[in-house]
Amino acid sequence: MRRAGHEPTREEFSRAFRAHYIPDSLVEQKKREFRELKQGNKTVMQYVQAFIHLSQYAPEDVRDDPSRAARLLSGFDPTLQTHLGRRYQSFTDLVDTALDMENRLRVANEDQRRKRQANTSAAGSSQKQKAVYRPPQQHYQQSRFVTGHFSRDCRAPRRIQGPNPAGGSQQGKQKGPAQKTGRVHYIHMEQIPAGVPVLAGTFIINGHPTVVLFDSGATHTFISKTYAQRHGLKMYKLRDNYHITAPGSPIDTSLGVRFLKFEIGMESFIINPMVLPHQGIDVILGMNWMTENNAVLDIGSRTIQLRSRVSGKVIRVHMPDMKHMVAAVNATEVDEIRKIPVVCDFPDVFRRSFRVYPRTGMWNSA
């Protein structure tokens, strides 16, 4: 209970809030889950997402970048661990290498499986073939049927068979790897007409307020080069060059950013966007990310539904009107906002409508 006339400090409020809504028993449970976390049958990306989510409950275990990398490495699949080998000083470098090695191992395993299937098929067909004696056959010499000898003894000149125009071998010029393509419909907010199937709001990404556009017409996820440089994000060279169809004129890019932490309420998601110059919107989430996270856009009610790949929880995000972009979005889980315990306990703070700041979970009454 708050003493009459006493205005609690932020530290006092934080301690009281955590003691009531995030009990020590829950923190200890999450710590155990983090310390026992292994890759198992997860992909590298799924394992990394679970690691990032649970590591917030055990900050003492991941004090710096080398310790984070060492803890992540210890939980990888043994086969992958063997190939990764050395110690890593950078968490990002380790994840980059693990993703690359996972892809290499997958390609190698698929190649071996195809070879085994081909060998099995060849062995089966050879066992079915039986040796059948065929007597030497008489043959046609030019346009006459000549008897009395066999083809192996024929002294007549052999007819040279020309190439088959219909089924001849095609030895075209081999082309190099084609440039990959993509599409984005809007790179500036003012380009977006009313009624199009896109939604936008301000979220927290890597600790920074970020304007995010959910665009079902974009093939990939993109980040503004200006935004990336402003926040000191490390850009890396993509494996392929991309030719992106964009408003005005196409844009070529060969840069990307990895493992940005996109926060919604108490949940976090990972995004790996391509870098686009001249992009006015901070981040554009395209169909690749929305498909991966089971995102559903409801333009009529201006809501986005996502499913966390770590906790499995369904998150519903109520977006602001495109004409009135604000630095907050209404983010709730499946339960209605009025059913959340903290809202019920503080009716004088939470009035008719609410906004949540995704990074901290702090609520602001409208």
Protein backbone atom coordinates (compact mmCIF):
# COMPACT_ATOMS: atom_id res chain seq x y z
CA MET A 1 0.00 0.00 0.00
CA ARG A 2 1.20 3.49 -0.78
CA ARG A 3 1.64 5.78 2.23
CA ALA A 4 -0.51 8.91 2.18
CA GLY A 5 1.36 11.88 0.81
CA HIS A 6 4.35 9.79 -0.32
CA GLU A 7 5.24 9.91 -4.01
CA PRO A 8 7.20 6.72 -4.82
CA THR A 9 10.39 6.95 -6.84
CA ARG A 10 10.79 4.99 -10.05
CA GLU A 11 13.06 2.50 -8.26
CA GLU A 12 10.49 1.94 -5.50
CA PHE A 13 7.70 1.49 -8.01
CA SER A 14 9.79 -0.94 -10.11
CA ARG A 15 10.63 -3.08 -7.07
CA ALA A 16 7.00 -3.18 -5.92
CA PHE A 17 5.73 -3.87 -9.41
CA ARG A 18 8.16 -6.75 -10.01
CA ALA A 19 7.53 -8.24 -6.57
CA HIS A 20 3.78 -8.36 -7.24
CA TYR A 21 3.60 -9.24 -10.95
CA ILE A 22 6.94 -10.94 -11.64
CA PRO A 23 7.60 -13.06 -8.54
CA ASP A 24 11.04 -14.44 -7.76
CA SER A 25 9.75 -17.97 -8.34
CA LEU A 26 8.93 -17.11 -11.97
CA VAL A 27 12.34 -15.50 -12.49
CA GLU A 28 14.07 -18.57 -11.03
CA GLN A 29 12.02 -20.87 -13.28
CA LYS A 30 13.01 -18.85 -16.36
CA LYS A 31 16.64 -18.87 -15.24
CA ARG A 32 16.58 -22.66 -15.05
CA GLU A 33 14.99 -22.84 -18.50
CA PHE A 34 17.74 -20.60 -19.87
CA ARG A 35 20.56 -22.56 -18.25
CA GLU A 36 19.13 -25.85 -19.52
CA LEU A 37 18.37 -24.51 -23.00
CA LYS A 38 19.71 -26.64 -25.88
CA GLN A 39 19.15 -26.45 -29.60
CA GLY A 40 17.62 -29.93 -29.82
CA ASN A 41 15.45 -30.17 -32.93
CA LYS A 42 15.17 -26.39 -33.34
CA THR A 43 16.69 -24.57 -36.28
CA VAL A 44 19.54 -22.18 -35.53
CA MET A 45 17.20 -19.20 -35.81
CA GLN A 46 14.59 -20.74 -33.49
CA TYR A 47 17.30 -21.57 -30.94
CA VAL A 48 18.73 -18.03 -31.11
CA GLN A 49 15.27 -16.51 -30.60
CA ALA A 50 14.63 -18.69 -27.54
CA PHE A 51 18.10 -17.80 -26.21
CA ILE A 52 17.52 -14.05 -26.56
CA HIS A 53 14.08 -14.29 -24.93
CA LEU A 54 15.22 -16.29 -21.89
CA SER A 55 18.58 -14.56 -21.39
CA GLN A 56 16.83 -11.47 -20.00
CA TYR A 57 16.03 -13.50 -16.85
CA ALA A 58 19.70 -14.36 -16.23
CA PRO A 59 21.72 -11.23 -17.05
CA GLU A 60 24.52 -12.38 -14.74
CA ASP A 61 25.15 -15.34 -17.09
CA VAL A 62 25.59 -13.15 -20.17
CA ARG A 63 27.45 -10.11 -18.84
CA ASP A 64 29.24 -9.30 -22.10
CA ASP A 65 29.43 -10.33 -25.75
CA PRO A 66 32.03 -13.14 -25.31
CA SER A 67 30.04 -14.72 -22.47
CA ARG A 68 26.83 -14.57 -24.54
CA ALA A 69 28.64 -16.23 -27.44
CA ALA A 70 30.14 -18.94 -25.20
CA ARG A 71 26.76 -19.76 -23.64
CA LEU A 72 25.05 -19.90 -27.04
CA LEU A 73 27.80 -22.13 -28.47
CA SER A 74 27.50 -24.60 -25.59
CA GLY A 75 23.85 -25.28 -26.43
CA PHE A 76 24.23 -25.97 -30.15
CA ASP A 77 23.63 -29.41 -31.64
CA PRO A 78 26.83 -31.53 -31.15
CA THR A 79 27.33 -31.96 -34.91
CA LEU A 80 27.07 -28.24 -35.49
CA GLN A 81 29.31 -27.56 -32.48
CA THR A 82 32.02 -29.76 -33.98
CA HIS A 83 31.98 -27.80 -37.23
CA LEU A 84 31.91 -24.43 -35.46
CA GLY A 85 34.90 -25.39 -33.34
CA ARG A 86 36.69 -22.29 -32.11
CA ARG A 87 35.78 -19.72 -29.46
CA TYR A 88 33.94 -16.58 -30.53
CA GLN A 89 34.32 -13.10 -29.10
CA SER A 90 31.25 -11.76 -30.91
CA PHE A 91 27.71 -13.09 -30.47
CA THR A 92 26.72 -11.84 -33.93
CA ASP A 93 29.72 -13.47 -35.62
CA LEU A 94 28.86 -16.79 -33.97
CA VAL A 95 25.24 -16.64 -35.13
CA ASP A 96 26.32 -15.66 -38.67
CA THR A 97 28.73 -18.60 -38.82
CA ALA A 98 26.17 -21.01 -37.34
CA LEU A 99 23.53 -20.03 -39.90
CA ASP A 100 26.02 -20.45 -42.74
CA MET A 101 27.21 -23.82 -41.42
CA GLU A 102 23.62 -25.02 -40.91
CA ASN A 103 22.89 -24.25 -44.55
CA ARG A 104 26.09 -25.99 -45.74
CA LEU A 105 25.28 -29.12 -43.73
CA ARG A 106 21.72 -29.15 -45.04
CA VAL A 107 22.91 -28.94 -48.66
CA ALA A 108 25.50 -31.68 -48.06
CA ASN A 109 22.92 -33.98 -46.43
CA GLU A 110 20.46 -33.45 -49.27
CA ASP A 111 23.20 -34.23 -51.81
CA GLN A 112 24.12 -37.45 -50.00
CA ARG A 113 20.47 -38.48 -49.81
CA ARG A 114 20.00 -37.95 -53.56
CA LYS A 115 23.10 -40.04 -54.29
CA ARG A 116 21.87 -42.88 -52.05
CA GLN A 117 18.48 -42.84 -53.75
CA ALA A 118 20.12 -42.90 -57.19
CA ASN A 119 22.40 -45.82 -56.22
CA THR A 120 19.48 -47.77 -54.76
CA SER A 121 17.43 -47.21 -57.90
CA ALA A 122 20.30 -48.27 -60.19
CA ALA A 123 20.98 -51.42 -58.16
CA GLY A 124 17.32 -52.40 -58.24
CA SER A 125 16.98 -51.98 -62.00
CA SER A 126 20.18 -53.96 -62.76
CA GLN A 127 18.92 -56.92 -60.72
CA LYS A 128 15.73 -57.02 -62.77
CA GLN A 129 17.58 -57.23 -66.10
CA LYS A 130 18.17 -60.80 -67.39
CA ALA A 131 20.71 -61.83 -70.01
CA VAL A 132 18.84 -62.89 -73.17
CA TYR A 133 20.67 -64.41 -76.17
CA ARG A 134 19.89 -62.66 -79.43
CA PRO A 135 21.22 -64.23 -82.66
CA PRO A 136 23.06 -61.93 -85.09
CA GLN A 137 20.60 -60.09 -87.26
CA GLN A 138 20.67 -59.43 -90.95
CA HIS A 139 20.66 -55.78 -91.83
CA TYR A 140 19.77 -53.14 -94.36
CA GLN A 141 22.57 -51.84 -96.58
CA GLN A 142 21.64 -48.33 -97.68
CA SER A 143 18.20 -48.87 -99.25
CA ARG A 144 18.59 -52.59 -100.04
CA PHE A 145 18.05 -55.59 -97.80
CA VAL A 146 21.20 -57.71 -98.29
CA THR A 147 21.24 -61.32 -97.18
CA GLY A 148 24.05 -63.76 -96.64
CA HIS A 149 26.12 -61.84 -94.09
CA PHE A 150 25.82 -60.02 -90.79
CA SER A 151 26.31 -56.37 -90.01
CA ARG A 152 29.69 -56.89 -88.33
CA ASP A 153 31.02 -58.39 -91.62
CA CYS A 154 29.48 -55.82 -93.95
CA ARG A 155 31.99 -54.03 -96.22
CA ALA A 156 29.53 -51.44 -97.50
CA PRO A 157 30.09 -47.90 -96.26
CA ARG A 158 28.05 -47.15 -93.17
CA ARG A 159 25.44 -44.43 -93.28
CA ILE A 160 26.35 -41.50 -91.07
CA GLN A 161 23.38 -40.49 -89.04
CA GLY A 162 22.83 -36.75 -88.75
CA PRO A 163 21.74 -35.01 -85.60
CA ASN A 164 18.14 -35.34 -84.56
CA PRO A 165 16.62 -31.88 -85.00
CA ALA A 166 13.85 -32.63 -82.53
CA GLY A 167 15.82 -34.24 -79.73
CA GLY A 168 19.40 -33.20 -80.36
CA SER A 169 21.65 -32.07 -77.57
CA GLN A 170 21.29 -28.45 -76.62
CA GLN A 171 24.54 -26.92 -75.58
CA GLY A 172 23.58 -23.37 -74.90
CA LYS A 173 25.73 -20.88 -73.21
CA GLN A 174 25.81 -21.34 -69.47
CA LYS A 175 24.63 -18.29 -67.66
CA GLY A 176 26.05 -17.09 -64.39
CA PRO A 177 23.92 -16.80 -61.27
CA ALA A 178 21.00 -14.47 -61.95
CA GLN A 179 20.49 -11.38 -59.85
CA LYS A 180 17.67 -11.95 -57.39
CA THR A 181 14.67 -9.69 -57.44
CA GLY A 182 12.22 -8.24 -54.95
CA ARG A 183 9.45 -5.70 -54.67
CA VAL A 184 8.41 -2.91 -52.34
CA HIS A 185 5.37 -0.70 -52.95
CA TYR A 186 6.00 2.21 -50.60
CA ILE A 187 9.25 3.64 -49.24
CA HIS A 188 7.79 6.90 -47.86
CA MET A 189 4.70 7.29 -45.67
CA GLU A 190 3.25 10.02 -47.88
CA GLN A 191 3.15 7.58 -50.83
CA ILE A 192 0.59 5.36 -49.11
CA PRO A 193 -2.98 5.97 -50.31
CA ALA A 194 -5.98 5.34 -48.08
CA GLY A 195 -7.44 1.84 -48.02
CA VAL A 196 -4.36 -0.13 -49.11
CA PRO A 197 -3.56 -3.34 -47.18
CA VAL A 198 -0.77 -1.90 -45.03
CA LEU A 199 -0.56 -0.89 -41.37
CA ALA A 200 2.08 1.17 -39.57
CA GLY A 201 3.04 2.15 -36.05
CA THR A 202 5.98 3.02 -33.84
CA PHE A 203 7.70 0.10 -32.10
CA ILE A 204 10.95 -0.48 -30.23
CA ILE A 205 13.74 -2.14 -32.25
CA ASN A 206 17.11 -2.65 -30.56
CA GLY A 207 16.05 -0.13 -27.93
CA HIS A 208 15.12 2.65 -30.38
CA PRO A 209 11.64 3.98 -31.28
CA THR A 210 11.16 2.88 -34.89
CA VAL A 211 8.45 3.53 -37.48
CA VAL A 212 7.48 0.09 -38.80
CA LEU A 213 5.31 -0.56 -41.86
CA PHE A 214 3.61 -3.96 -42.26
CA ASP A 215 3.29 -4.32 -46.04
CA SER A 216 1.79 -7.51 -47.50
CA GLY A 217 2.85 -6.30 -50.96
CA ALA A 218 6.57 -6.23 -50.13
CA THR A 219 8.45 -9.45 -50.88
CA HIS A 220 11.19 -8.94 -48.29
CA THR A 221 11.92 -7.01 -45.11
CA PHE A 222 13.81 -3.74 -45.56
CA ILE A 223 15.55 -1.17 -43.35
CA SER A 224 16.46 2.40 -44.18
CA LYS A 225 20.20 2.88 -44.69
CA THR A 226 19.97 6.24 -42.94
CA TYR A 227 18.29 4.60 -39.91
CA ALA A 228 20.92 1.83 -39.81
CA GLN A 229 23.78 4.33 -39.91
CA ARG A 230 22.15 6.63 -37.36
CA HIS A 231 21.91 3.83 -34.80
CA GLY A 232 25.31 2.29 -35.58
CA LEU A 233 23.91 -1.02 -36.89
CA LYS A 234 26.50 -3.36 -38.40
CA MET A 235 25.81 -3.98 -42.08
CA TYR A 236 27.08 -7.10 -43.85
CA LYS A 237 27.42 -8.25 -47.47
CA LEU A 238 24.52 -10.40 -48.71
CA ARG A 239 25.30 -13.62 -50.58
CA ASP A 240 23.36 -12.35 -53.60
CA ASN A 241 22.72 -8.96 -55.13
CA TYR A 242 19.07 -7.89 -55.19
CA HIS A 243 17.24 -5.77 -57.75
CA ILE A 244 14.25 -4.28 -55.93
CA THR A 245 11.31 -2.85 -57.84
CA ALA A 246 10.37 0.34 -55.98
CA PRO A 247 8.31 3.50 -56.61
CA GLY A 248 10.06 5.83 -59.02
CA SER A 249 12.95 3.62 -60.07
CA PRO A 250 14.42 0.22 -59.11
CA ILE A 251 16.93 0.02 -56.25
CA ASP A 252 19.91 -2.35 -56.16
CA THR A 253 21.21 -3.57 -52.82
CA SER A 254 23.79 -6.04 -51.57
CA LEU A 255 23.73 -5.14 -47.86
CA GLY A 256 21.76 -6.45 -44.90
CA VAL A 257 21.47 -6.22 -41.11
CA ARG A 258 20.98 -9.26 -38.87
CA PHE A 259 19.32 -10.09 -35.58
CA LEU A 260 17.47 -6.90 -34.77
CA LYS A 261 15.26 -7.32 -31.71
CA PHE A 262 11.71 -6.22 -32.49
CA GLU A 263 9.68 -5.89 -29.27
CA ILE A 264 5.91 -6.08 -28.87
CA GLY A 265 4.70 -6.07 -25.29
CA MET A 266 6.62 -8.75 -23.39
CA GLU A 267 7.42 -10.68 -26.57
CA SER A 268 10.36 -10.17 -28.91
CA PHE A 269 10.87 -11.16 -32.53
CA ILE A 270 13.98 -11.24 -34.71
CA ILE A 271 14.18 -9.44 -38.05
CA ASN A 272 16.94 -9.64 -40.68
CA PRO A 273 16.24 -6.81 -43.13
CA MET A 274 17.95 -5.79 -46.36
CA VAL A 275 19.35 -2.27 -46.43
CA LEU A 276 17.69 0.13 -48.89
CA PRO A 277 19.08 3.59 -49.64
CA HIS A 278 16.55 6.40 -50.13
CA GLN A 279 13.98 4.59 -47.93
CA GLY A 280 12.04 7.08 -45.81
CA ILE A 281 10.30 4.52 -43.56
CA ASP A 282 12.59 3.10 -40.85
CA VAL A 283 11.62 -0.57 -41.28
CA ILE A 284 9.27 -2.33 -43.73
CA LEU A 285 8.15 -5.82 -42.72
CA GLY A 286 7.36 -7.81 -45.85
CA MET A 287 5.71 -11.13 -46.62
CA ASN A 288 8.79 -13.20 -45.80
CA TRP A 289 8.73 -12.06 -42.16
CA MET A 290 4.93 -12.07 -41.88
CA THR A 291 4.69 -15.61 -43.25
CA GLU A 292 7.40 -16.82 -40.88
CA ASN A 293 5.56 -15.35 -37.87
CA ASN A 294 1.99 -16.22 -38.95
CA ALA A 295 1.06 -12.55 -39.14
CA VAL A 296 -2.52 -11.72 -40.10
CA LEU A 297 -3.43 -8.14 -41.10
CA ASP A 298 -7.02 -7.02 -40.56
CA ILE A 299 -7.29 -3.68 -42.33
CA GLY A 300 -10.91 -3.11 -41.27
CA SER A 301 -10.20 -3.26 -37.53
CA ARG A 302 -6.61 -2.04 -37.95
CA THR A 303 -5.17 -5.01 -36.05
CA ILE A 304 -2.26 -7.34 -36.59
CA GLN A 305 -2.18 -10.81 -35.07
CA LEU A 306 1.16 -12.56 -34.51
CA ARG A 307 2.16 -15.83 -32.87
CA SER A 308 5.38 -15.91 -30.86
CA ARG A 309 7.65 -18.71 -32.08
CA VAL A 310 9.23 -18.89 -28.62
CA SER A 311 6.28 -18.88 -26.21
CA GLY A 312 3.52 -19.79 -28.68
CA LYS A 313 1.38 -16.90 -27.41
CA VAL A 314 -0.89 -15.00 -29.77
CA ILE A 315 -0.26 -11.25 -29.80
CA ARG A 316 -2.84 -8.79 -31.11
CA VAL A 317 -1.60 -5.33 -32.02
CA HIS A 318 -4.09 -2.50 -32.51
CA MET A 319 -2.54 0.01 -34.87
CA PRO A 320 -3.10 3.79 -35.00
CA ASP A 321 -4.77 5.50 -37.94
CA MET A 322 -2.29 6.09 -40.74
CA LYS A 323 -3.11 9.80 -40.61
CA HIS A 324 -2.28 10.05 -36.93
CA MET A 325 0.98 8.20 -36.37
CA VAL A 326 1.87 8.23 -32.66
CA ALA A 327 4.76 6.85 -30.66
CA ALA A 328 2.69 4.04 -29.18
CA VAL A 329 0.50 1.18 -30.28
CA ASN A 330 -2.14 -0.74 -28.41
CA ALA A 331 -0.62 -4.18 -27.87
CA THR A 332 -2.41 -6.89 -25.95
CA GLU A 333 -2.36 -10.64 -25.85
CA VAL A 334 -5.46 -12.70 -26.42
CA ASP A 335 -7.21 -11.56 -23.23
CA GLU A 336 -9.04 -8.25 -23.34
CA ILE A 337 -7.13 -5.36 -21.84
CA ARG A 338 -9.63 -4.85 -19.01
CA LYS A 339 -8.93 -8.43 -17.82
CA ILE A 340 -5.21 -7.87 -17.29
CA PRO A 341 -4.51 -7.98 -13.51
CA VAL A 342 -2.40 -4.82 -13.36
CA VAL A 343 -5.17 -2.87 -15.11
CA CYS A 344 -7.75 -4.12 -12.61
CA ASP A 345 -5.51 -3.22 -9.66
CA PHE A 346 -4.91 0.36 -10.79
CA PRO A 347 -8.24 1.71 -12.14
CA ASP A 348 -7.20 5.28 -11.30
CA VAL A 349 -4.20 4.96 -13.62
CA PHE A 350 -5.79 2.97 -16.47
CA ARG A 351 -8.86 4.82 -17.67
CA ARG A 352 -10.93 4.31 -20.82
CA SER A 353 -8.23 3.65 -23.38
CA PHE A 354 -4.61 2.64 -23.08
CA ARG A 355 -1.35 2.66 -24.97
CA VAL A 356 1.58 0.35 -24.29
CA TYR A 357 5.19 1.15 -25.01
CA PRO A 358 6.42 -2.21 -26.32
CA ARG A 359 9.97 -2.09 -24.99
CA THR A 360 9.23 -1.44 -21.33
CA GLY A 361 5.61 -2.55 -21.03
CA MET A 362 4.76 0.83 -19.48
CA TRP A 363 1.18 1.89 -20.03
CA ASN A 364 0.09 5.43 -20.82
CA SER A 365 -3.53 6.50 -20.32
CA ALA A 366 -5.02 8.50 -23.18
